Amino acid sequence: MPAWTFLTNHAHVLLAIARDPDARLREVAETVGITERAAQAIVADLEQAGYLEHTRVGRRNRYTVNPAGRFRHPAEADRRIGDLLSLFAPAPPLKADQGRP
């Protein structure tokens, strides 16, 4: 593993969830390369900051990312999280029953 990367684990968790909003935190943690407990803490941070929210669907959570959220660092505060998502987590294709009136 490299000594450092350009994106933080928070960004990696957000991107993993954006790619698969129905993913279990165990899967997100595995994708990012962190523990499930660390993924839970990061998701809690992201929800508290308004970047992410979840809804219960049966026994699972479905996540929604807020693309209008702004970056926290002053150097990027004029940019939205949606900019990052468009680079690394393109919108998934619509399912057959979506997009119909």
C-alpha atoms as a PDB file:
ATOM      1  CA  MET A   1       0.000   0.000   0.000  1.00  0.00           C
ATOM      2  CA  PRO A   2       1.370   3.467  -0.838  1.00  0.00           C
ATOM      3  CA  ALA A   3       2.404   5.755   2.023  1.00  0.00           C
ATOM      4  CA  TRP A   4      -0.188   8.380   1.030  1.00  0.00           C
ATOM      5  CA  THR A   5      -2.988   8.976  -1.467  1.00  0.00           C
ATOM      6  CA  PHE A   6      -4.733  12.035  -2.862  1.00  0.00           C
ATOM      7  CA  LEU A   7      -8.157  11.061  -1.538  1.00  0.00           C
ATOM      8  CA  THR A   8      -8.978  10.463   2.124  1.00  0.00           C
ATOM      9  CA  ASN A   9     -10.878   7.465   3.450  1.00  0.00           C
ATOM     10  CA  HIS A  10     -13.881   9.785   3.843  1.00  0.00           C
ATOM     11  CA  ALA A  11     -13.794  10.469   0.100  1.00  0.00           C
ATOM     12  CA  HIS A  12     -13.349   6.782  -0.695  1.00  0.00           C
ATOM     13  CA  VAL A  13     -16.338   5.821   1.491  1.00  0.00           C
ATOM     14  CA  LEU A  14     -18.474   8.536  -0.096  1.00  0.00           C
ATOM     15  CA  LEU A  15     -17.515   7.342  -3.585  1.00  0.00           C
ATOM     16  CA  ALA A  16     -18.157   3.687  -2.745  1.00  0.00           C
ATOM     17  CA  ILE A  17     -21.626   4.565  -1.483  1.00  0.00           C
ATOM     18  CA  ALA A  18     -22.308   6.791  -4.494  1.00  0.00           C
ATOM     19  CA  ARG A  19     -21.430   3.845  -6.767  1.00  0.00           C
ATOM     20  CA  ASP A  20     -23.642   1.426  -4.808  1.00  0.00           C
ATOM     21  CA  PRO A  21     -26.206   3.108  -2.524  1.00  0.00           C
ATOM     22  CA  ASP A  22     -27.448  -0.288  -1.331  1.00  0.00           C
ATOM     23  CA  ALA A  23     -24.012  -1.567  -0.280  1.00  0.00           C
ATOM     24  CA  ARG A  24     -23.607  -2.898   3.230  1.00  0.00           C
ATOM     25  CA  LEU A  25     -20.991  -1.156   5.335  1.00  0.00           C
ATOM     26  CA  ARG A  26     -18.995  -4.393   5.380  1.00  0.00           C
ATOM     27  CA  GLU A  27     -18.769  -4.177   1.572  1.00  0.00           C
ATOM     28  CA  VAL A  28     -17.887  -0.477   1.677  1.00  0.00           C
ATOM     29  CA  ALA A  29     -15.136  -1.171   4.220  1.00  0.00           C
ATOM     30  CA  GLU A  30     -13.741  -3.972   2.084  1.00  0.00           C
ATOM     31  CA  THR A  31     -13.761  -1.780  -1.030  1.00  0.00           C
ATOM     32  CA  VAL A  32     -11.945   1.052   0.756  1.00  0.00           C
ATOM     33  CA  GLY A  33      -9.559  -1.202   2.663  1.00  0.00           C
ATOM     34  CA  ILE A  34     -10.613  -0.188   6.174  1.00  0.00           C
ATOM     35  CA  THR A  35     -12.408  -1.899   9.035  1.00  0.00           C
ATOM     36  CA  GLU A  36     -16.182  -2.004   9.213  1.00  0.00           C
ATOM     37  CA  ARG A  37     -16.010   0.032  12.403  1.00  0.00           C
ATOM     38  CA  ALA A  38     -13.981   2.735  10.628  1.00  0.00           C
ATOM     39  CA  ALA A  39     -16.532   2.752   7.791  1.00  0.00           C
ATOM     40  CA  GLN A  40     -19.346   3.190  10.339  1.00  0.00           C
ATOM     41  CA  ALA A  41     -17.538   6.149  11.923  1.00  0.00           C
ATOM     42  CA  ILE A  42     -16.920   7.755   8.531  1.00  0.00           C
ATOM     43  CA  VAL A  43     -20.551   7.303   7.475  1.00  0.00           C
ATOM     44  CA  ALA A  44     -21.627   8.926  10.760  1.00  0.00           C
ATOM     45  CA  ASP A  45     -19.278  11.867  10.036  1.00  0.00           C
ATOM     46  CA  LEU A  46     -20.630  12.221   6.493  1.00  0.00           C
ATOM     47  CA  GLU A  47     -24.242  12.069   7.671  1.00  0.00           C
ATOM     48  CA  GLN A  48     -23.650  14.594  10.446  1.00  0.00           C
ATOM     49  CA  ALA A  49     -22.045  16.989   7.948  1.00  0.00           C
ATOM     50  CA  GLY A  50     -24.968  16.638   5.522  1.00  0.00           C
ATOM     51  CA  TYR A  51     -23.103  14.862   2.715  1.00  0.00           C
ATOM     52  CA  LEU A  52     -25.014  11.629   3.127  1.00  0.00           C
ATOM     53  CA  GLU A  53     -28.296  10.339   4.507  1.00  0.00           C
ATOM     54  CA  HIS A  54     -29.788   6.915   4.887  1.00  0.00           C
ATOM     55  CA  THR A  55     -33.244   5.405   4.862  1.00  0.00           C
ATOM     56  CA  ARG A  56     -34.212   2.030   6.209  1.00  0.00           C
ATOM     57  CA  VAL A  57     -35.365  -0.469   3.581  1.00  0.00           C
ATOM     58  CA  GLY A  58     -36.360  -3.600   5.435  1.00  0.00           C
ATOM     59  CA  ARG A  59     -33.334  -4.639   7.462  1.00  0.00           C
ATOM     60  CA  ARG A  60     -30.881  -2.666   5.323  1.00  0.00           C
ATOM     61  CA  ASN A  61     -29.934   0.939   4.718  1.00  0.00           C
ATOM     62  CA  ARG A  62     -30.110   2.750   1.413  1.00  0.00           C
ATOM     63  CA  TYR A  63     -27.844   5.776   1.166  1.00  0.00           C
ATOM     64  CA  THR A  64     -28.334   9.029  -0.683  1.00  0.00           C
ATOM     65  CA  VAL A  65     -25.411  11.342  -1.383  1.00  0.00           C
ATOM     66  CA  ASN A  66     -25.986  15.105  -1.376  1.00  0.00           C
ATOM     67  CA  PRO A  67     -24.115  16.311  -4.486  1.00  0.00           C
ATOM     68  CA  ALA A  68     -24.758  19.962  -3.522  1.00  0.00           C
ATOM     69  CA  GLY A  69     -22.583  19.669  -0.414  1.00  0.00           C
ATOM     70  CA  ARG A  70     -19.457  21.786  -0.526  1.00  0.00           C
ATOM     71  CA  PHE A  71     -15.893  20.693   0.167  1.00  0.00           C
ATOM     72  CA  ARG A  72     -14.745  21.504   3.686  1.00  0.00           C
ATOM     73  CA  HIS A  73     -11.228  22.777   2.988  1.00  0.00           C
ATOM     74  CA  PRO A  74     -11.112  26.539   2.268  1.00  0.00           C
ATOM     75  CA  ALA A  75      -9.105  25.974  -0.920  1.00  0.00           C
ATOM     76  CA  GLU A  76     -11.999  23.956  -2.425  1.00  0.00           C
ATOM     77  CA  ALA A  77     -14.980  25.442  -0.557  1.00  0.00           C
ATOM     78  CA  ASP A  78     -16.332  26.924  -3.783  1.00  0.00           C
ATOM     79  CA  ARG A  79     -16.675  23.416  -5.301  1.00  0.00           C
ATOM     80  CA  ARG A  80     -19.471  20.909  -4.754  1.00  0.00           C
ATOM     81  CA  ILE A  81     -19.138  17.239  -3.896  1.00  0.00           C
ATOM     82  CA  GLY A  82     -21.030  16.518  -7.122  1.00  0.00           C
ATOM     83  CA  ASP A  83     -17.876  17.555  -9.002  1.00  0.00           C
ATOM     84  CA  LEU A  84     -15.938  14.753  -7.307  1.00  0.00           C
ATOM     85  CA  LEU A  85     -18.764  12.284  -7.891  1.00  0.00           C
ATOM     86  CA  SER A  86     -18.900  13.088 -11.599  1.00  0.00           C
ATOM     87  CA  LEU A  87     -15.200  12.233 -11.904  1.00  0.00           C
ATOM     88  CA  PHE A  88     -15.105   9.022  -9.888  1.00  0.00           C
ATOM     89  CA  ALA A  89     -18.662   7.718  -9.516  1.00  0.00           C
ATOM     90  CA  PRO A  90     -20.700   8.373 -12.662  1.00  0.00           C
ATOM     91  CA  ALA A  91     -24.442   8.051 -12.249  1.00  0.00           C
ATOM     92  CA  PRO A  92     -25.575   4.428 -12.522  1.00  0.00           C
ATOM     93  CA  PRO A  93     -27.858   3.561 -15.449  1.00  0.00           C
ATOM     94  CA  LEU A  94     -31.584   3.779 -14.758  1.00  0.00           C
ATOM     95  CA  LYS A  95     -33.329   0.531 -13.918  1.00  0.00           C
ATOM     96  CA  ALA A  96     -36.131  -0.589 -16.220  1.00  0.00           C
ATOM     97  CA  ASP A  97     -38.838   0.797 -13.902  1.00  0.00           C
ATOM     98  CA  GLN A  98     -37.116   4.158 -13.237  1.00  0.00           C
ATOM     99  CA  GLY A  99     -37.547   7.289 -15.247  1.00  0.00           C
ATOM    100  CA  ARG A 100     -41.081   6.489 -16.290  1.00  0.00           C
ATOM    101  CA  PRO A 101     -43.981   8.781 -15.352  1.00  0.00           C
END
